[in-house]
Amino acid sequence: MLCCPKDTDLSRHISVALFFLAALFCTASARAQDNYEIQVYGSETVDPGKTMVELHSNFTIDGSKTIINGVLPSNHAEHETIEITHGINDWFEVGFYIFTYERNGYGVQWVGDHIRPRVRVPPKWNWPVGVSLSNEIGYQRAKFSVDTWTWEIRPIVDKQIGRWYLAFNPTLDRSFHGQSVNQGVVFSPNAKFSYNFTQKIAGGLEYYGSTGSITGFLPISQQQHQIFPAVDLNVSPKWEINFGLGVGLTAATDHLIAKMILGYRFDF
């Protein structure tokens, strides 16, 4: 149920949100979350015995226009991803991804698949913040990524404070086959803060970035930073609806991306 903070609390919550955003940019941000699944994770997992099916639809309005290092252009490309996640118990879920690419002259192409087990701190532990840990490993074809086999470990911390929601994903990426193998572990932080304007509508900012190797960040011009003003529609506990328009802040980042997530929880 939506809570309405008192005026004195509201100022404190705004200060927390601003501090959170400032801290984010101090750590910020060369692999941002790619154009197939643009999402800041919350700590909750899918309920036991339930299955969440999500469609991630992302269109790159202004991106790379030539083949770079063997990778096809992203400009005016439609990236559709099907994500299927099943809840095993109150602290464990498993997700599976199917990535596709569509662009004029190339048709619809299969990009690759990932599997993602995730564990969380159970609600019965009553921690002051939500905490979970996602591991995602998979394959993507070389014409769509300079790295074909990758692993992502994503710690997730989030908190609902009255009408405010804060989430931070200090993600670490590792390539096992491809051009980025020598970079080792790459730091790719994601974050979100939003505000519940009504019981059904929340809006805020999402951030996606990549700094390069944790042992030596890349120059700013080679890092990736994206900001997405985004809206969440809480129409029903069964539905997940999110959409936004992202702006790239560096030359290494696609400059304009429209994204939407449409998800539904099934009882199987």
Protein backbone atom coordinates (compact mmCIF):
# COMPACT_ATOMS: atom_id res chain seq x y z
CA MET A 1 0.00 0.00 0.00
CA LEU A 2 1.32 3.44 -0.97
CA CYS A 3 2.65 5.55 1.90
CA CYS A 4 2.58 9.35 1.96
CA PRO A 5 5.53 10.75 3.94
CA LYS A 6 5.17 13.79 6.13
CA ASP A 7 6.69 17.07 4.89
CA THR A 8 9.65 16.74 7.24
CA ASP A 9 10.31 13.21 6.04
CA LEU A 10 9.94 14.26 2.41
CA SER A 11 12.90 16.64 2.65
CA ARG A 12 15.04 13.91 4.13
CA HIS A 13 13.98 11.46 1.41
CA ILE A 14 14.80 13.99 -1.32
CA SER A 15 18.23 14.53 0.25
CA VAL A 16 18.83 10.77 0.29
CA ALA A 17 17.85 10.53 -3.38
CA LEU A 18 20.14 13.40 -4.38
CA PHE A 19 23.03 11.91 -2.41
CA PHE A 20 22.40 8.56 -4.07
CA LEU A 21 22.53 10.15 -7.52
CA ALA A 22 25.67 12.12 -6.69
CA ALA A 23 27.42 9.01 -5.41
CA LEU A 24 26.43 7.25 -8.60
CA PHE A 25 28.12 9.84 -10.81
CA CYS A 26 31.23 9.82 -8.66
CA THR A 27 31.68 6.10 -9.40
CA ALA A 28 30.37 6.41 -12.91
CA SER A 29 31.16 5.11 -15.53
CA ALA A 30 33.27 0.12 -21.25
CA ARG A 31 30.39 -1.93 -21.38
CA ALA A 32 27.08 -0.40 -20.40
CA GLN A 33 24.13 -2.70 -20.12
CA ASP A 34 23.61 -3.65 -23.74
CA ASN A 35 20.65 -2.76 -25.93
CA TYR A 36 18.91 -6.11 -25.44
CA GLU A 37 17.91 -5.90 -21.78
CA ILE A 38 17.93 -2.40 -20.31
CA GLN A 39 16.80 -2.81 -16.73
CA VAL A 40 17.91 -1.94 -13.20
CA TYR A 41 17.15 -4.98 -11.07
CA GLY A 42 15.17 -4.87 -7.86
CA SER A 43 15.96 -7.34 -5.09
CA GLU A 44 12.67 -9.26 -5.23
CA THR A 45 12.57 -12.67 -6.88
CA VAL A 46 9.60 -14.34 -8.57
CA ASP A 47 7.29 -16.07 -6.08
CA PRO A 48 7.71 -19.86 -5.68
CA GLY A 49 5.80 -21.77 -8.35
CA LYS A 50 5.20 -18.63 -10.43
CA THR A 51 6.66 -17.86 -13.87
CA MET A 52 7.35 -14.33 -15.13
CA VAL A 53 7.45 -13.84 -18.90
CA GLU A 54 8.86 -10.50 -20.05
CA LEU A 55 9.32 -8.88 -23.45
CA HIS A 56 12.11 -6.29 -23.65
CA SER A 57 11.63 -4.06 -26.71
CA ASN A 58 14.44 -1.58 -27.39
CA PHE A 59 14.83 0.59 -30.49
CA THR A 60 18.09 2.47 -31.11
CA ILE A 61 17.07 5.81 -32.57
CA ASP A 62 20.64 7.08 -32.90
CA GLY A 63 23.50 4.60 -32.61
CA SER A 64 26.49 3.15 -34.45
CA LYS A 65 26.05 3.36 -38.24
CA THR A 66 28.88 1.16 -39.53
CA ILE A 67 30.28 -2.29 -38.79
CA ILE A 68 32.81 -1.88 -35.96
CA ASN A 69 35.15 -4.76 -35.02
CA GLY A 70 32.86 -7.10 -36.95
CA VAL A 71 29.75 -6.05 -34.97
CA LEU A 72 26.67 -4.97 -36.94
CA PRO A 73 25.39 -1.38 -36.58
CA SER A 74 22.93 -0.56 -33.80
CA ASN A 75 21.42 2.51 -35.52
CA HIS A 76 17.70 1.97 -36.22
CA ALA A 77 17.98 -1.61 -34.94
CA GLU A 78 15.15 -3.25 -33.00
CA HIS A 79 16.30 -5.51 -30.17
CA GLU A 80 13.65 -7.90 -28.85
CA THR A 81 14.42 -10.08 -25.85
CA ILE A 82 12.23 -12.74 -24.29
CA GLU A 83 12.98 -13.34 -20.60
CA ILE A 84 11.39 -16.29 -18.78
CA THR A 85 11.95 -16.50 -15.01
CA HIS A 86 10.65 -19.19 -12.66
CA GLY A 87 10.53 -18.90 -8.86
CA ILE A 88 11.92 -21.99 -7.11
CA ASN A 89 11.41 -20.91 -3.47
CA ASP A 90 11.31 -17.66 -1.46
CA TRP A 91 15.02 -17.00 -2.05
CA PHE A 92 15.89 -18.54 -5.45
CA GLU A 93 14.83 -18.07 -9.08
CA VAL A 94 16.19 -19.02 -12.51
CA GLY A 95 15.85 -16.86 -15.63
CA PHE A 96 16.46 -17.62 -19.31
CA TYR A 97 16.92 -15.10 -22.15
CA ILE A 98 16.45 -15.26 -25.92
CA PHE A 99 18.00 -12.26 -27.73
CA THR A 100 17.05 -11.12 -31.26
CA TYR A 101 18.10 -8.33 -33.64
CA GLU A 102 16.14 -6.76 -36.49
CA ARG A 103 17.29 -4.04 -38.86
CA ASN A 104 16.39 -3.03 -42.39
CA GLY A 105 18.39 -5.17 -44.80
CA TYR A 106 19.29 -7.81 -42.20
CA GLY A 107 15.91 -9.30 -41.28
CA VAL A 108 15.25 -10.88 -37.88
CA GLN A 109 18.27 -12.67 -36.46
CA TRP A 110 18.93 -14.78 -33.37
CA VAL A 111 21.66 -13.17 -31.26
CA GLY A 112 22.19 -15.62 -28.40
CA ASP A 113 20.92 -17.01 -25.09
CA HIS A 114 21.75 -16.50 -21.42
CA ILE A 115 20.80 -18.27 -18.21
CA ARG A 116 20.54 -16.37 -14.92
CA PRO A 117 20.21 -17.99 -11.46
CA ARG A 118 19.55 -15.50 -8.66
CA VAL A 119 19.39 -15.72 -4.86
CA ARG A 120 18.06 -13.16 -2.38
CA VAL A 121 17.89 -12.50 1.33
CA PRO A 122 14.47 -13.94 2.30
CA PRO A 123 11.85 -11.39 3.48
CA LYS A 124 11.49 -13.26 6.79
CA TRP A 125 15.01 -12.14 7.74
CA ASN A 126 13.68 -8.57 7.97
CA TRP A 127 16.80 -6.83 6.65
CA PRO A 128 16.55 -3.01 6.44
CA VAL A 129 17.26 -3.14 2.67
CA GLY A 130 16.50 -5.67 -0.05
CA VAL A 131 19.55 -7.68 -1.14
CA SER A 132 20.00 -10.25 -3.89
CA LEU A 133 22.75 -11.61 -6.14
CA SER A 134 22.33 -12.44 -9.83
CA ASN A 135 24.73 -14.50 -11.96
CA GLU A 136 24.21 -14.41 -15.73
CA ILE A 137 26.25 -16.46 -18.18
CA GLY A 138 25.73 -17.01 -21.88
CA TYR A 139 26.60 -16.84 -25.53
CA GLN A 140 26.08 -14.18 -28.19
CA ARG A 141 27.12 -14.42 -31.86
CA ALA A 142 30.27 -12.53 -32.89
CA LYS A 143 28.44 -10.29 -35.38
CA PHE A 144 26.48 -8.80 -32.43
CA SER A 145 29.16 -8.63 -29.74
CA VAL A 146 32.97 -8.51 -29.65
CA ASP A 147 32.71 -11.07 -26.80
CA THR A 148 30.90 -14.33 -27.48
CA TRP A 149 30.97 -15.95 -24.01
CA THR A 150 30.45 -13.70 -20.98
CA TRP A 151 29.64 -13.84 -17.29
CA GLU A 152 27.94 -11.12 -15.27
CA ILE A 153 27.70 -11.01 -11.48
CA ARG A 154 25.22 -8.42 -10.27
CA PRO A 155 24.82 -7.54 -6.58
CA ILE A 156 21.47 -5.80 -6.01
CA VAL A 157 20.53 -3.48 -3.16
CA ASP A 158 17.24 -1.59 -3.03
CA LYS A 159 14.99 0.25 -0.60
CA GLN A 160 11.47 1.69 -0.59
CA ILE A 161 11.30 4.86 1.53
CA GLY A 162 7.73 6.14 1.56
CA ARG A 163 7.02 7.17 -2.03
CA TRP A 164 10.72 6.95 -3.00
CA TYR A 165 12.37 3.86 -4.44
CA LEU A 166 16.19 3.47 -4.71
CA ALA A 167 18.14 0.62 -6.32
CA PHE A 168 21.85 0.09 -6.99
CA ASN A 169 23.44 -2.71 -9.07
CA PRO A 170 27.28 -2.52 -8.88
CA THR A 171 27.66 -5.04 -11.72
CA LEU A 172 30.87 -6.86 -12.66
CA ASP A 173 31.37 -8.33 -16.17
CA ARG A 174 33.88 -10.87 -17.42
CA SER A 175 34.55 -12.02 -20.98
CA PHE A 176 35.77 -15.59 -21.54
CA HIS A 177 36.04 -15.43 -25.33
CA GLY A 178 36.48 -12.30 -27.42
CA GLN A 179 38.26 -8.97 -27.61
CA SER A 180 37.63 -7.98 -23.97
CA VAL A 181 39.23 -11.03 -22.36
CA ASN A 182 42.40 -9.07 -21.55
CA GLN A 183 40.38 -6.40 -19.70
CA GLY A 184 39.61 -8.88 -16.95
CA VAL A 185 36.72 -7.84 -14.72
CA VAL A 186 34.82 -4.74 -15.90
CA PHE A 187 32.80 -2.46 -13.60
CA SER A 188 29.33 -1.66 -15.02
CA PRO A 189 27.20 0.13 -12.38
CA ASN A 190 23.44 0.55 -12.82
CA ALA A 191 21.14 2.56 -10.57
CA LYS A 192 17.60 3.86 -10.31
CA PHE A 193 15.58 6.25 -8.23
CA SER A 194 11.86 6.84 -8.71
CA TYR A 195 8.92 8.47 -7.00
CA ASN A 196 5.35 7.13 -6.69
CA PHE A 197 3.18 9.98 -7.96
CA THR A 198 0.08 7.82 -7.50
CA GLN A 199 -0.57 4.21 -6.51
CA LYS A 200 -0.24 3.21 -10.17
CA ILE A 201 2.31 5.62 -11.66
CA ALA A 202 5.97 6.04 -10.70
CA GLY A 203 8.61 8.05 -12.52
CA GLY A 204 12.30 8.69 -12.13
CA LEU A 205 15.78 8.18 -13.59
CA GLU A 206 17.70 5.03 -14.49
CA TYR A 207 21.45 5.00 -15.08
CA TYR A 208 23.62 2.49 -16.98
CA GLY A 209 27.37 2.75 -17.23
CA SER A 210 30.65 0.96 -17.77
CA THR A 211 34.08 2.21 -16.69
CA GLY A 212 36.33 -0.51 -18.09
CA SER A 213 38.55 -2.79 -16.04
CA ILE A 214 38.39 -2.53 -12.24
CA THR A 215 42.20 -2.38 -12.26
CA GLY A 216 42.29 0.74 -14.45
CA PHE A 217 39.34 2.72 -15.73
CA LEU A 218 39.23 3.79 -19.38
CA PRO A 219 39.40 7.46 -20.43
CA ILE A 220 35.99 9.14 -20.08
CA SER A 221 35.52 9.32 -23.86
CA GLN A 222 35.77 5.50 -24.03
CA GLN A 223 33.47 4.84 -21.08
CA GLN A 224 29.74 4.33 -21.52
CA HIS A 225 27.09 6.33 -19.66
CA GLN A 226 23.35 6.37 -20.31
CA ILE A 227 20.54 8.18 -18.48
CA PHE A 228 16.94 7.04 -18.93
CA PRO A 229 13.99 9.10 -17.67
CA ALA A 230 11.58 6.20 -17.11
CA VAL A 231 8.02 5.45 -16.00
CA ASP A 232 6.66 2.38 -14.16
CA LEU A 233 2.96 1.53 -14.35
CA ASN A 234 1.75 -0.54 -11.37
CA VAL A 235 -1.56 -1.60 -12.88
CA SER A 236 -1.67 -5.02 -11.19
CA PRO A 237 0.58 -7.32 -9.10
CA LYS A 238 0.65 -9.65 -12.10
CA TRP A 239 1.94 -7.05 -14.55
CA GLU A 240 5.29 -5.27 -14.95
CA ILE A 241 5.31 -2.26 -17.28
CA ASN A 242 8.31 0.05 -17.71
CA PHE A 243 9.28 2.41 -20.50
CA GLY A 244 11.80 5.19 -21.02
CA LEU A 245 13.98 7.17 -23.40
CA GLY A 246 17.73 6.93 -22.92
CA VAL A 247 20.41 9.47 -23.76
CA GLY A 248 24.08 8.52 -24.18
CA LEU A 249 26.52 10.92 -22.52
CA THR A 250 29.78 9.87 -24.20
CA ALA A 251 30.97 9.19 -27.74
CA ALA A 252 31.28 5.47 -26.94
CA THR A 253 27.58 5.21 -26.05
CA ASP A 254 24.57 4.92 -28.37
CA HIS A 255 23.08 8.40 -28.27
CA LEU A 256 19.31 7.76 -28.15
CA ILE A 257 17.38 4.59 -27.27
CA ALA A 258 13.68 3.98 -26.62
CA LYS A 259 12.91 1.03 -24.36
CA MET A 260 9.89 -0.83 -22.99
CA ILE A 261 9.46 -3.80 -20.68
CA LEU A 262 6.18 -5.70 -20.64
CA GLY A 263 5.94 -8.59 -18.18
CA TYR A 264 3.26 -10.92 -16.81
CA ARG A 265 3.35 -13.40 -13.90
CA PHE A 266 1.75 -16.79 -14.61
CA ASP A 267 0.75 -19.41 -12.06
CA PHE A 268 3.03 -22.08 -13.48
